[in-house]
C-alpha atoms as a PDB file:
ATOM      1  CA  MET A   1      83.614 283.964 123.321  1.00  0.00           C
ATOM      2  CA  LYS A   2      82.770 285.185 119.812  1.00  0.00           C
ATOM      3  CA  ILE A   3      85.124 287.975 120.139  1.00  0.00           C
ATOM      4  CA  PHE A   4      88.032 285.545 121.461  1.00  0.00           C
ATOM      5  CA  ILE A   5      87.782 283.461 118.106  1.00  0.00           C
ATOM      6  CA  MET A   6      87.650 286.076 115.597  1.00  0.00           C
ATOM      7  CA  ILE A   7      90.863 287.190 117.888  1.00  0.00           C
ATOM      8  CA  GLY A   8      92.035 283.991 117.518  1.00  0.00           C
ATOM      9  CA  ALA A   9      91.492 283.631 114.049  1.00  0.00           C
ATOM     10  CA  ALA A  10      92.882 287.063 113.044  1.00  0.00           C
ATOM     11  CA  VAL A  11      95.833 286.415 114.784  1.00  0.00           C
ATOM     12  CA  LEU A  12      96.567 283.088 113.131  1.00  0.00           C
ATOM     13  CA  GLY A  13      95.790 284.255 110.016  1.00  0.00           C
ATOM     14  CA  PHE A  14      98.885 287.228 110.988  1.00  0.00           C
ATOM     15  CA  ILE A  15     101.229 284.296 111.446  1.00  0.00           C
ATOM     16  CA  ASN A  16     100.750 282.328 107.986  1.00  0.00           C
ATOM     17  CA  LEU A  17     101.310 285.199 106.708  1.00  0.00           C
ATOM     18  CA  PHE A  18     104.928 284.757 107.903  1.00  0.00           C
ATOM     19  CA  ILE A  19     105.025 280.596 107.227  1.00  0.00           C
ATOM     20  CA  PRO A  20     106.118 279.456 103.625  1.00  0.00           C
ATOM     21  CA  ILE A  21     103.374 277.169 102.763  1.00  0.00           C
ATOM     22  CA  LEU A  22     104.383 274.759  99.947  1.00  0.00           C
ATOM     23  CA  PRO A  23     101.813 273.740  97.534  1.00  0.00           C
ATOM     24  CA  VAL A  24      99.263 271.064  98.298  1.00  0.00           C
ATOM     25  CA  HIS A  25      97.514 268.787  95.573  1.00  0.00           C
ATOM     26  CA  GLU A  26      94.423 266.620  96.517  1.00  0.00           C
ATOM     27  CA  ASP A  27      96.254 263.260  96.718  1.00  0.00           C
ATOM     28  CA  ASP A  28      99.786 264.669  98.759  1.00  0.00           C
ATOM     29  CA  ALA A  29      98.446 264.378 101.959  1.00  0.00           C
ATOM     30  CA  ASP A  30     101.566 262.984 103.262  1.00  0.00           C
ATOM     31  CA  TRP A  31     104.162 264.957 100.757  1.00  0.00           C
ATOM     32  CA  ILE A  32     103.163 268.016 102.970  1.00  0.00           C
ATOM     33  CA  VAL A  33     102.270 268.156 106.651  1.00  0.00           C
ATOM     34  CA  ASP A  34     101.318 271.331 108.591  1.00  0.00           C
ATOM     35  CA  GLY A  35     102.772 273.084 105.663  1.00  0.00           C
ATOM     36  CA  SER A  36     106.186 271.422 105.765  1.00  0.00           C
ATOM     37  CA  TYR A  37     107.590 268.663 103.465  1.00  0.00           C
ATOM     38  CA  PHE A  38     107.384 265.131 104.718  1.00  0.00           C
ATOM     39  CA  GLY A  39     107.707 263.311 101.515  1.00  0.00           C
ATOM     40  CA  TYR A  40     105.368 260.235 102.139  1.00  0.00           C
ATOM     41  CA  PHE A  41     107.680 259.024 105.037  1.00  0.00           C
ATOM     42  CA  TYR A  42     105.656 256.267 106.527  1.00  0.00           C
ATOM     43  CA  ASP A  43     103.556 255.482 103.149  1.00  0.00           C
ATOM     44  CA  ASP A  44     104.655 251.991 101.862  1.00  0.00           C
ATOM     45  CA  GLY A  45     106.269 252.734  98.742  1.00  0.00           C
ATOM     46  CA  CYS A  46     107.198 256.203  99.748  1.00  0.00           C
ATOM     47  CA  GLU A  47     109.922 256.325  97.395  1.00  0.00           C
ATOM     48  CA  GLU A  48     107.805 255.863  94.012  1.00  0.00           C
ATOM     49  CA  LYS A  49     105.398 258.081  95.303  1.00  0.00           C
ATOM     50  CA  VAL A  50     107.753 260.757  95.861  1.00  0.00           C
ATOM     51  CA  MET A  51     109.486 260.347  92.464  1.00  0.00           C
ATOM     52  CA  ASN A  52     105.718 260.396  90.997  1.00  0.00           C
ATOM     53  CA  GLN A  53     104.757 263.399  92.791  1.00  0.00           C
ATOM     54  CA  PHE A  54     108.389 265.129  92.037  1.00  0.00           C
ATOM     55  CA  LEU A  55     107.833 264.562  88.221  1.00  0.00           C
ATOM     56  CA  GLY A  56     104.527 265.604  88.081  1.00  0.00           C
ATOM     57  CA  LEU A  57     105.742 269.152  89.098  1.00  0.00           C
ATOM     58  CA  VAL A  58     108.512 268.522  86.608  1.00  0.00           C
ATOM     59  CA  GLU A  59     106.464 267.484  83.223  1.00  0.00           C
ATOM     60  CA  ALA A  60     104.278 270.782  84.645  1.00  0.00           C
ATOM     61  CA  GLU A  61     107.362 272.701  84.412  1.00  0.00           C
ATOM     62  CA  ASP A  62     105.982 274.362  87.536  1.00  0.00           C
ATOM     63  CA  PHE A  63     109.690 275.824  88.716  1.00  0.00           C
ATOM     64  CA  ASP A  64     108.656 277.593  91.648  1.00  0.00           C
ATOM     65  CA  SER A  65     107.128 274.768  93.038  1.00  0.00           C
ATOM     66  CA  ILE A  66     109.949 272.504  92.488  1.00  0.00           C
ATOM     67  CA  PHE A  67     112.008 275.636  94.514  1.00  0.00           C
ATOM     68  CA  SER A  68     109.791 275.482  97.504  1.00  0.00           C
ATOM     69  CA  ILE A  69     110.339 271.675  97.817  1.00  0.00           C
ATOM     70  CA  PHE A  70     113.843 272.456  98.559  1.00  0.00           C
ATOM     71  CA  SER A  71     114.818 273.128 102.405  1.00  0.00           C
ATOM     72  CA  GLU A  72     114.883 276.621 103.721  1.00  0.00           C
ATOM     73  CA  GLU A  73     118.673 276.037 104.185  1.00  0.00           C
ATOM     74  CA  VAL A  74     119.194 274.927 100.760  1.00  0.00           C
ATOM     75  CA  LYS A  75     117.370 278.088  99.457  1.00  0.00           C
ATOM     76  CA  ARG A  76     119.425 280.177 101.480  1.00  0.00           C
ATOM     77  CA  SER A  77     122.801 278.810 100.721  1.00  0.00           C
ATOM     78  CA  CYS A  78     122.840 278.211  96.743  1.00  0.00           C
ATOM     79  CA  SER A  79     119.409 280.161  95.725  1.00  0.00           C
ATOM     80  CA  ALA A  80     121.198 281.405  92.591  1.00  0.00           C
ATOM     81  CA  GLU A  81     122.515 278.011  91.916  1.00  0.00           C
ATOM     82  CA  LEU A  82     118.906 276.432  92.136  1.00  0.00           C
ATOM     83  CA  GLU A  83     117.448 279.055  90.284  1.00  0.00           C
ATOM     84  CA  GLU A  84     119.708 278.057  87.404  1.00  0.00           C
ATOM     85  CA  GLY A  85     120.104 274.162  87.952  1.00  0.00           C
ATOM     86  CA  ILE A  86     116.084 273.823  88.424  1.00  0.00           C
ATOM     87  CA  PRO A  87     115.327 274.721  84.442  1.00  0.00           C
ATOM     88  CA  GLU A  88     118.369 272.511  83.508  1.00  0.00           C
ATOM     89  CA  LEU A  89     116.665 269.626  85.546  1.00  0.00           C
ATOM     90  CA  VAL A  90     113.235 269.712  83.913  1.00  0.00           C
ATOM     91  CA  GLU A  91     114.823 270.198  80.406  1.00  0.00           C
ATOM     92  CA  PHE A  92     116.928 266.694  81.182  1.00  0.00           C
ATOM     93  CA  LEU A  93     114.013 264.419  82.546  1.00  0.00           C
ATOM     94  CA  ASN A  94     111.480 266.046  80.203  1.00  0.00           C
ATOM     95  CA  ASN A  95     113.129 266.044  76.815  1.00  0.00           C
ATOM     96  CA  ARG A  96     115.977 262.810  77.504  1.00  0.00           C
ATOM     97  CA  VAL A  97     114.141 260.280  79.881  1.00  0.00           C
ATOM     98  CA  THR A  98     112.094 257.830  78.198  1.00  0.00           C
ATOM     99  CA  SER A  99     111.738 255.721  81.762  1.00  0.00           C
ATOM    100  CA  TRP A 100     112.932 255.288  85.181  1.00  0.00           C
ATOM    101  CA  GLU A 101     112.912 252.566  88.009  1.00  0.00           C
ATOM    102  CA  TYR A 102     113.560 252.934  91.364  1.00  0.00           C
ATOM    103  CA  SER A 103     116.852 251.027  92.657  1.00  0.00           C
ATOM    104  CA  GLY A 104     117.200 251.328  96.762  1.00  0.00           C
ATOM    105  CA  SER A 105     117.055 253.766  99.399  1.00  0.00           C
ATOM    106  CA  TYR A 106     118.440 254.544 102.786  1.00  0.00           C
ATOM    107  CA  SER A 107     117.444 256.289 106.019  1.00  0.00           C
ATOM    108  CA  ASN A 108     119.387 257.217 108.835  1.00  0.00           C
ATOM    109  CA  ARG A 109     117.223 258.414 111.574  1.00  0.00           C
ATOM    110  CA  GLY A 110     119.275 259.765 114.835  1.00  0.00           C
ATOM    111  CA  GLY A 111     117.836 258.903 117.371  1.00  0.00           C
ATOM    112  CA  GLY A 112     114.294 257.545 118.187  1.00  0.00           C
ATOM    113  CA  ALA A 113     112.778 261.025 117.821  1.00  0.00           C
ATOM    114  CA  GLY A 114     115.082 262.885 115.771  1.00  0.00           C
ATOM    115  CA  PRO A 115     115.022 263.749 112.038  1.00  0.00           C
ATOM    116  CA  ALA A 116     115.186 261.259 109.080  1.00  0.00           C
ATOM    117  CA  ASP A 117     118.102 261.883 106.660  1.00  0.00           C
ATOM    118  CA  ARG A 118     117.108 260.010 103.177  1.00  0.00           C
ATOM    119  CA  THR A 119     118.824 259.130  99.923  1.00  0.00           C
ATOM    120  CA  MET A 120     116.351 257.434  97.570  1.00  0.00           C
ATOM    121  CA  ARG A 121     118.064 256.392  94.475  1.00  0.00           C
ATOM    122  CA  PHE A 122     116.510 256.108  90.885  1.00  0.00           C
ATOM    123  CA  LEU A 123     117.946 254.851  87.186  1.00  0.00           C
ATOM    124  CA  LEU A 124     116.974 256.984  84.450  1.00  0.00           C
ATOM    125  CA  HIS A 125     116.513 255.698  80.650  1.00  0.00           C
ATOM    126  CA  THR A 126     117.608 257.704  78.052  1.00  0.00           C
ATOM    127  CA  ALA A 127     118.776 257.096  74.457  1.00  0.00           C
ATOM    128  CA  GLU A 128     122.466 257.823  75.189  1.00  0.00           C
ATOM    129  CA  GLY A 129     122.505 254.979  78.230  1.00  0.00           C
ATOM    130  CA  VAL A 130     121.460 255.047  81.953  1.00  0.00           C
ATOM    131  CA  TYR A 131     121.813 257.647  84.327  1.00  0.00           C
ATOM    132  CA  ARG A 132     121.591 257.305  88.162  1.00  0.00           C
ATOM    133  CA  PHE A 133     119.073 259.847  89.896  1.00  0.00           C
ATOM    134  CA  THR A 134     119.303 260.519  93.351  1.00  0.00           C
ATOM    135  CA  ILE A 135     117.225 262.684  95.763  1.00  0.00           C
ATOM    136  CA  HIS A 136     118.466 263.088  99.044  1.00  0.00           C
ATOM    137  CA  ASP A 137     116.095 264.937 101.365  1.00  0.00           C
ATOM    138  CA  TYR A 138     115.622 265.433 105.120  1.00  0.00           C
ATOM    139  CA  ILE A 139     112.538 264.946 107.170  1.00  0.00           C
ATOM    140  CA  VAL A 140     111.973 266.943 110.519  1.00  0.00           C
ATOM    141  CA  PHE A 141     108.937 265.526 112.615  1.00  0.00           C
ATOM    142  CA  SER A 142     106.452 267.853 114.440  1.00  0.00           C
ATOM    143  CA  TYR A 143     107.428 266.252 117.712  1.00  0.00           C
ATOM    144  CA  ASP A 144     110.869 266.919 117.280  1.00  0.00           C
ATOM    145  CA  LYS A 145     111.574 270.061 119.084  1.00  0.00           C
ATOM    146  CA  LYS A 146     115.388 270.228 118.791  1.00  0.00           C
ATOM    147  CA  THR A 147     115.823 269.836 114.651  1.00  0.00           C
ATOM    148  CA  PRO A 148     114.847 273.400 113.137  1.00  0.00           C
ATOM    149  CA  SER A 149     112.190 273.079 110.721  1.00  0.00           C
ATOM    150  CA  SER A 150     114.481 274.935 108.304  1.00  0.00           C
ATOM    151  CA  ARG A 151     116.174 271.510 107.404  1.00  0.00           C
ATOM    152  CA  ALA A 152     113.023 269.918 106.028  1.00  0.00           C
ATOM    153  CA  GLY A 153     112.959 269.479 102.266  1.00  0.00           C
ATOM    154  CA  PHE A 154     114.999 268.426  99.241  1.00  0.00           C
ATOM    155  CA  HIS A 155     118.813 269.139  99.808  1.00  0.00           C
ATOM    156  CA  SER A 156     120.071 267.682  96.724  1.00  0.00           C
ATOM    157  CA  ILE A 157     119.184 265.871  92.962  1.00  0.00           C
ATOM    158  CA  THR A 158     122.249 264.686  91.738  1.00  0.00           C
ATOM    159  CA  ILE A 159     122.383 263.014  87.932  1.00  0.00           C
ATOM    160  CA  PHE A 160     125.485 261.336  86.662  1.00  0.00           C
ATOM    161  CA  PRO A 161     125.706 258.239  83.937  1.00  0.00           C
ATOM    162  CA  GLU A 162     125.547 255.112  85.716  1.00  0.00           C
ATOM    163  CA  GLU A 163     128.996 253.778  85.474  1.00  0.00           C
ATOM    164  CA  MET A 164     130.494 256.581  86.906  1.00  0.00           C
ATOM    165  CA  PHE A 165     129.549 255.562  90.547  1.00  0.00           C
ATOM    166  CA  GLY A 166     133.311 255.693  91.971  1.00  0.00           C
ATOM    167  CA  GLU A 167     133.467 259.279  90.498  1.00  0.00           C
ATOM    168  CA  TYR A 168     130.041 261.107  91.353  1.00  0.00           C
ATOM    169  CA  LEU A 169     128.597 258.867  94.025  1.00  0.00           C
ATOM    170  CA  GLU A 170     130.183 260.331  97.351  1.00  0.00           C
ATOM    171  CA  PHE A 171     130.966 263.833  95.261  1.00  0.00           C
ATOM    172  CA  CYS A 172     127.367 264.269  94.780  1.00  0.00           C
ATOM    173  CA  MET A 173     126.019 263.352  97.814  1.00  0.00           C
ATOM    174  CA  GLY A 174     128.378 266.127  99.578  1.00  0.00           C
ATOM    175  CA  LYS A 175     126.477 268.671  97.634  1.00  0.00           C
ATOM    176  CA  ASP A 176     123.682 270.561  97.760  1.00  0.00           C
ATOM    177  CA  GLY A 177     121.198 271.818  95.350  1.00  0.00           C
ATOM    178  CA  VAL A 178     121.007 270.346  91.560  1.00  0.00           C
ATOM    179  CA  HIS A 179     123.770 268.809  90.059  1.00  0.00           C
ATOM    180  CA  ILE A 180     124.136 267.155  86.653  1.00  0.00           C
ATOM    181  CA  VAL A 181     127.070 265.154  84.727  1.00  0.00           C
ATOM    182  CA  TYR A 182     126.257 264.812  80.923  1.00  0.00           C
ATOM    183  CA  ARG A 183     127.325 261.546  79.105  1.00  0.00           C
ATOM    184  CA  ALA A 184     129.122 262.551  75.804  1.00  0.00           C
ATOM    185  CA  ALA A 185     126.782 261.428  72.881  1.00  0.00           C
ATOM    186  CA  GLY A 186     126.706 262.431  69.262  1.00  0.00           C
ATOM    187  CA  GLU A 187     127.029 266.114  68.538  1.00  0.00           C
ATOM    188  CA  ASN A 188     126.073 267.438  72.247  1.00  0.00           C
ATOM    189  CA  GLU A 189     127.697 269.756  74.239  1.00  0.00           C
ATOM    190  CA  ALA A 190     129.441 267.366  76.535  1.00  0.00           C
ATOM    191  CA  ALA A 191     130.807 265.535  73.563  1.00  0.00           C
ATOM    192  CA  ALA A 192     131.903 268.747  71.708  1.00  0.00           C
ATOM    193  CA  LYS A 193     133.693 270.368  75.033  1.00  0.00           C
ATOM    194  CA  GLY A 194     135.680 267.139  75.470  1.00  0.00           C
ATOM    195  CA  ARG A 195     136.278 266.926  71.764  1.00  0.00           C
ATOM    196  CA  GLU A 196     137.839 270.113  72.045  1.00  0.00           C
ATOM    197  CA  LEU A 197     139.902 269.868  74.790  1.00  0.00           C
ATOM    198  CA  MET A 198     141.732 266.658  73.564  1.00  0.00           C
ATOM    199  CA  GLU A 199     142.320 267.180  70.292  1.00  0.00           C
ATOM    200  CA  GLN A 200     144.080 270.157  71.217  1.00  0.00           C
ATOM    201  CA  TRP A 201     145.972 268.065  73.962  1.00  0.00           C
ATOM    202  CA  MET A 202     147.086 265.499  71.205  1.00  0.00           C
ATOM    203  CA  GLU A 203     148.706 268.026  69.172  1.00  0.00           C
ATOM    204  CA  LEU A 204     150.620 269.192  71.937  1.00  0.00           C
ATOM    205  CA  SER A 205     151.429 265.347  73.057  1.00  0.00           C
ATOM    206  CA  ALA A 206     152.838 264.769  69.401  1.00  0.00           C
ATOM    207  CA  ALA A 207     154.994 268.207  69.118  1.00  0.00           C
ATOM    208  CA  LYS A 208     156.097 267.098  72.788  1.00  0.00           C
ATOM    209  CA  ASP A 209     154.917 270.374  73.846  1.00  0.00           C
ATOM    210  CA  VAL A 210     155.357 270.360  77.927  1.00  0.00           C
ATOM    211  CA  ASP A 211     155.767 273.967  78.597  1.00  0.00           C
ATOM    212  CA  GLY A 212     152.379 274.776  76.224  1.00  0.00           C
ATOM    213  CA  PHE A 213     150.385 272.196  78.716  1.00  0.00           C
ATOM    214  CA  TYR A 214     152.471 273.178  81.743  1.00  0.00           C
ATOM    215  CA  GLU A 215     150.903 277.121  81.019  1.00  0.00           C
ATOM    216  CA  GLN A 216     147.425 275.346  80.975  1.00  0.00           C
ATOM    217  CA  PHE A 217     147.697 274.493  84.779  1.00  0.00           C
ATOM    218  CA  ALA A 218     146.184 277.303  87.443  1.00  0.00           C
ATOM    219  CA  PRO A 219     149.433 279.522  88.820  1.00  0.00           C
ATOM    220  CA  SER A 220     148.351 278.414  92.514  1.00  0.00           C
ATOM    221  CA  VAL A 221     149.370 274.678  91.236  1.00  0.00           C
ATOM    222  CA  LYS A 222     152.496 275.335  89.589  1.00  0.00           C
ATOM    223  CA  ASN A 223     153.479 277.128  92.466  1.00  0.00           C
ATOM    224  CA  GLY A 224     152.362 274.555  95.256  1.00  0.00           C
ATOM    225  CA  THR A 225     154.129 272.420  97.293  1.00  0.00           C
ATOM    226  CA  GLY A 226     155.927 269.352  95.722  1.00  0.00           C
ATOM    227  CA  MET A 227     154.832 270.489  92.222  1.00  0.00           C
ATOM    228  CA  GLU A 228     158.939 270.241  91.186  1.00  0.00           C
ATOM    229  CA  ARG A 229     157.938 267.380  89.254  1.00  0.00           C
ATOM    230  CA  LEU A 230     154.972 268.750  87.473  1.00  0.00           C
ATOM    231  CA  PRO A 231     157.137 269.039  84.020  1.00  0.00           C
ATOM    232  CA  GLU A 232     158.269 265.740  84.268  1.00  0.00           C
ATOM    233  CA  GLU A 233     154.837 264.157  84.953  1.00  0.00           C
ATOM    234  CA  ILE A 234     153.489 265.803  82.144  1.00  0.00           C
ATOM    235  CA  GLN A 235     156.262 264.308  79.952  1.00  0.00           C
ATOM    236  CA  GLU A 236     154.588 261.127  81.010  1.00  0.00           C
ATOM    237  CA  LEU A 237     151.233 262.176  80.290  1.00  0.00           C
ATOM    238  CA  GLU A 238     152.267 263.184  76.797  1.00  0.00           C
ATOM    239  CA  ASP A 239     154.127 260.073  76.306  1.00  0.00           C
ATOM    240  CA  ILE A 240     150.715 257.634  76.859  1.00  0.00           C
ATOM    241  CA  LEU A 241     148.459 260.076  74.897  1.00  0.00           C
ATOM    242  CA  GLY A 242     150.962 260.857  72.163  1.00  0.00           C
ATOM    243  CA  ASN A 243     152.719 257.484  71.717  1.00  0.00           C
ATOM    244  CA  GLN A 244     150.504 254.643  73.114  1.00  0.00           C
ATOM    245  CA  VAL A 245     146.567 256.034  73.027  1.00  0.00           C
ATOM    246  CA  THR A 246     145.570 254.566  69.774  1.00  0.00           C
ATOM    247  CA  SER A 247     141.944 255.938  69.857  1.00  0.00           C
ATOM    248  CA  TRP A 248     140.038 257.611  72.177  1.00  0.00           C
ATOM    249  CA  GLU A 249     136.061 259.181  73.265  1.00  0.00           C
ATOM    250  CA  PRO A 250     135.182 261.885  75.350  1.00  0.00           C
ATOM    251  CA  HIS A 251     133.145 260.222  78.063  1.00  0.00           C
ATOM    252  CA  SER A 252     131.018 263.083  80.305  1.00  0.00           C
ATOM    253  CA  TRP A 253     131.092 266.481  80.970  1.00  0.00           C
ATOM    254  CA  THR A 254     129.665 268.813  83.721  1.00  0.00           C
ATOM    255  CA  GLN A 255     130.149 272.334  85.156  1.00  0.00           C
ATOM    256  CA  TYR A 256     128.970 273.395  88.557  1.00  0.00           C
ATOM    257  CA  ASP A 257     129.714 276.274  91.173  1.00  0.00           C
ATOM    258  CA  GLU A 258     130.956 276.085  94.534  1.00  0.00           C
ATOM    259  CA  THR A 259     130.309 278.858  97.127  1.00  0.00           C
ATOM    260  CA  GLU A 260     131.390 279.726 100.502  1.00  0.00           C
ATOM    261  CA  THR A 261     131.437 282.480 103.499  1.00  0.00           C
ATOM    262  CA  TYR A 262     133.790 284.752 101.283  1.00  0.00           C
ATOM    263  CA  ASP A 263     134.091 282.939  97.997  1.00  0.00           C
ATOM    264  CA  GLN A 264     132.798 281.438  94.453  1.00  0.00           C
ATOM    265  CA  ARG A 265     134.169 279.978  92.011  1.00  0.00           C
ATOM    266  CA  SER A 266     133.040 277.993  89.132  1.00  0.00           C
ATOM    267  CA  CYS A 267     134.355 274.581  87.934  1.00  0.00           C
ATOM    268  CA  GLU A 268     134.442 271.973  84.676  1.00  0.00           C
ATOM    269  CA  GLU A 269     135.293 268.260  84.965  1.00  0.00           C
ATOM    270  CA  TYR A 270     135.859 266.391  82.069  1.00  0.00           C
ATOM    271  CA  PHE A 271     136.065 262.346  81.514  1.00  0.00           C
ATOM    272  CA  PHE A 272     137.412 260.466  78.539  1.00  0.00           C
ATOM    273  CA  ASP A 273     138.066 257.010  77.689  1.00  0.00           C
ATOM    274  CA  LEU A 274     141.544 256.455  76.706  1.00  0.00           C
ATOM    275  CA  HIS A 275     141.885 252.974  74.556  1.00  0.00           C
ATOM    276  CA  THR A 276     145.615 251.480  74.212  1.00  0.00           C
ATOM    277  CA  GLU A 277     147.005 248.015  72.993  1.00  0.00           C
ATOM    278  CA  ALA A 278     147.608 247.148  76.292  1.00  0.00           C
ATOM    279  CA  ALA A 279     144.503 248.104  78.365  1.00  0.00           C
ATOM    280  CA  ASP A 280     141.770 251.032  78.175  1.00  0.00           C
ATOM    281  CA  TYR A 281     141.895 254.063  80.893  1.00  0.00           C
ATOM    282  CA  PHE A 282     139.839 256.742  81.968  1.00  0.00           C
ATOM    283  CA  CYS A 283     141.303 260.311  82.061  1.00  0.00           C
ATOM    284  CA  GLY A 284     139.777 262.964  84.161  1.00  0.00           C
ATOM    285  CA  VAL A 285     140.463 266.727  83.705  1.00  0.00           C
ATOM    286  CA  TYR A 286     139.232 269.535  86.595  1.00  0.00           C
ATOM    287  CA  TRP A 287     139.598 273.210  85.698  1.00  0.00           C
ATOM    288  CA  THR A 288     138.230 275.921  87.643  1.00  0.00           C
ATOM    289  CA  THR A 289     137.117 278.469  85.339  1.00  0.00           C
ATOM    290  CA  TYR A 290     136.691 281.136  87.510  1.00  0.00           C
ATOM    291  CA  ASP A 291     137.260 282.127  91.420  1.00  0.00           C
ATOM    292  CA  LYS A 292     136.054 285.318  92.581  1.00  0.00           C
ATOM    293  CA  ASN A 293     138.527 286.419  95.069  1.00  0.00           C
ATOM    294  CA  HIS A 294     141.968 283.978  93.795  1.00  0.00           C
ATOM    295  CA  ASP A 295     142.631 284.680  89.947  1.00  0.00           C
ATOM    296  CA  GLU A 296     145.692 282.315  90.939  1.00  0.00           C
ATOM    297  CA  ASN A 297     143.373 279.688  90.993  1.00  0.00           C
ATOM    298  CA  VAL A 298     141.739 280.076  87.780  1.00  0.00           C
ATOM    299  CA  GLY A 299     142.960 277.117  85.315  1.00  0.00           C
ATOM    300  CA  LEU A 300     143.820 273.604  84.943  1.00  0.00           C
ATOM    301  CA  GLN A 301     143.676 271.795  88.470  1.00  0.00           C
ATOM    302  CA  SER A 302     144.501 268.090  87.664  1.00  0.00           C
ATOM    303  CA  VAL A 303     144.649 265.231  85.233  1.00  0.00           C
ATOM    304  CA  SER A 304     144.211 262.089  86.659  1.00  0.00           C
ATOM    305  CA  LEU A 305     144.717 259.042  84.191  1.00  0.00           C
ATOM    306  CA  PHE A 306     144.012 255.193  85.661  1.00  0.00           C
ATOM    307  CA  LEU A 307     142.771 251.932  84.646  1.00  0.00           C
ATOM    308  CA  TRP A 308     139.338 251.349  83.830  1.00  0.00           C
ATOM    309  CA  MET A 309     137.582 248.551  85.371  1.00  0.00           C
ATOM    310  CA  GLU A 310     134.068 247.301  84.991  1.00  0.00           C
ATOM    311  CA  GLU A 311     131.660 247.247  87.555  1.00  0.00           C
ATOM    312  CA  ASP A 312     131.531 243.576  87.781  1.00  0.00           C
ATOM    313  CA  GLU A 313     135.212 243.552  88.038  1.00  0.00           C
ATOM    314  CA  VAL A 314     135.405 245.758  90.848  1.00  0.00           C
ATOM    315  CA  ARG A 315     132.957 244.056  92.990  1.00  0.00           C
ATOM    316  CA  GLU A 316     134.764 240.553  92.441  1.00  0.00           C
ATOM    317  CA  ALA A 317     138.500 241.839  92.489  1.00  0.00           C
ATOM    318  CA  PRO A 318     140.370 241.878  95.779  1.00  0.00           C
ATOM    319  CA  PHE A 319     139.580 244.275  98.402  1.00  0.00           C
ATOM    320  CA  ALA A 320     142.859 246.064  97.894  1.00  0.00           C
ATOM    321  CA  THR A 321     142.045 246.391  93.919  1.00  0.00           C
ATOM    322  CA  TYR A 322     138.553 247.361  94.876  1.00  0.00           C
ATOM    323  CA  ARG A 323     140.168 250.280  97.159  1.00  0.00           C
ATOM    324  CA  GLY A 324     142.394 251.156  94.620  1.00  0.00           C
ATOM    325  CA  PHE A 325     140.215 251.871  91.801  1.00  0.00           C
ATOM    326  CA  TYR A 326     137.790 253.900  93.842  1.00  0.00           C
ATOM    327  CA  ASP A 327     140.971 256.142  95.220  1.00  0.00           C
ATOM    328  CA  ALA A 328     142.032 256.146  91.933  1.00  0.00           C
ATOM    329  CA  CYS A 329     138.516 257.596  90.746  1.00  0.00           C
ATOM    330  CA  THR A 330     138.673 260.416  92.889  1.00  0.00           C
ATOM    331  CA  ALA A 331     142.423 261.373  92.613  1.00  0.00           C
ATOM    332  CA  GLY A 332     142.489 264.196  90.327  1.00  0.00           C
ATOM    333  CA  ARG A 333     139.446 265.459  92.243  1.00  0.00           C
ATOM    334  CA  GLU A 334     141.991 265.508  95.501  1.00  0.00           C
ATOM    335  CA  ASN A 335     145.410 266.064  94.145  1.00  0.00           C
ATOM    336  CA  PRO A 336     146.616 268.993  91.908  1.00  0.00           C
ATOM    337  CA  GLY A 337     149.082 268.225  89.277  1.00  0.00           C
ATOM    338  CA  VAL A 338     149.308 264.808  87.378  1.00  0.00           C
ATOM    339  CA  SER A 339     148.269 261.620  88.610  1.00  0.00           C
ATOM    340  CA  ILE A 340     149.126 258.085  86.746  1.00  0.00           C
ATOM    341  CA  ILE A 341     147.203 254.874  87.668  1.00  0.00           C
ATOM    342  CA  LEU A 342     148.232 252.301  85.350  1.00  0.00           C
ATOM    343  CA  GLU A 343     147.644 249.402  87.682  1.00  0.00           C
ATOM    344  CA  TYR A 344     146.191 248.209  91.434  1.00  0.00           C
ATOM    345  CA  PRO A 345     147.485 246.265  94.062  1.00  0.00           C
ATOM    346  CA  THR A 346     146.083 242.910  94.597  1.00  0.00           C
ATOM    347  CA  GLU A 347     146.884 242.782  98.147  1.00  0.00           C
ATOM    348  CA  TYR A 348     147.803 245.358 100.991  1.00  0.00           C
ATOM    349  CA  GLU A 349     151.464 245.380 101.809  1.00  0.00           C
ATOM    350  CA  GLU A 350     152.763 244.771 105.354  1.00  0.00           C
END
């Protein structure tokens, strides 16, 4: 009998060499269950417990443990992005955030015994303003034999300015890994990059230099279907920038990588506040700075200029206006070239 016990222990020890064991602390019995992330799923106040546990790792600058919380699927698909993004995330949370609060969650459990797909939302208070902070994780239960345990863990962490819900809420939810959208403030990097770009565009607009603006677009955009009107659209944009805008400020900036099976590209996005005598507008700029296999995609992808609405205004507006505003928020990401939206419908046309 003793021999069988010894053999069993040896076999278990051999198997454990190949099972990634996440760090376990004395107070996190439901943080990790049987070596797999569980995120206090059944506990009251589980979202705050997850946040406190996570911030403990952040405060300790424990990059390896933060990396280990992400699911095996995510680590395989975007390992390099995580290795760059986690230190950036730690720097943001440790050096900018003064306090935080829980703001809600959503859990979608597929079938009675299926896995749980959970989104936890928080607000981060900084000297620059309030940010939305979202953790999207996946819980796989021990009795669920259909879902691979490699899906258990964090899938994404996103941070973006509170007021930019229309521009980034759905976009960030669809991206695995770490994604931070920085608010432009004072002399920070986001403000500096934004000022450099818009000052150049204001000079082009004042000189009515359509060709100089046109050349910044990527070749794939200039040669794309329906781009015959791009010079006219640039002229309309320059007229607004050069003749109607009375003042402007950079609002936000972000950069991120996108990896597909056989391709990799790097992108930057800028947003600006534009003020005219008639109204305030938001301007989004989308740029591809690198594309591994397609040089023709490198360059300016789109510019969107649309009427700005505060969150309370959006909520109280007719549904057609509400839908029109949200469509405008993502118009630049979805449509190459120039998009200008100066008003929204108040009702749907039959």
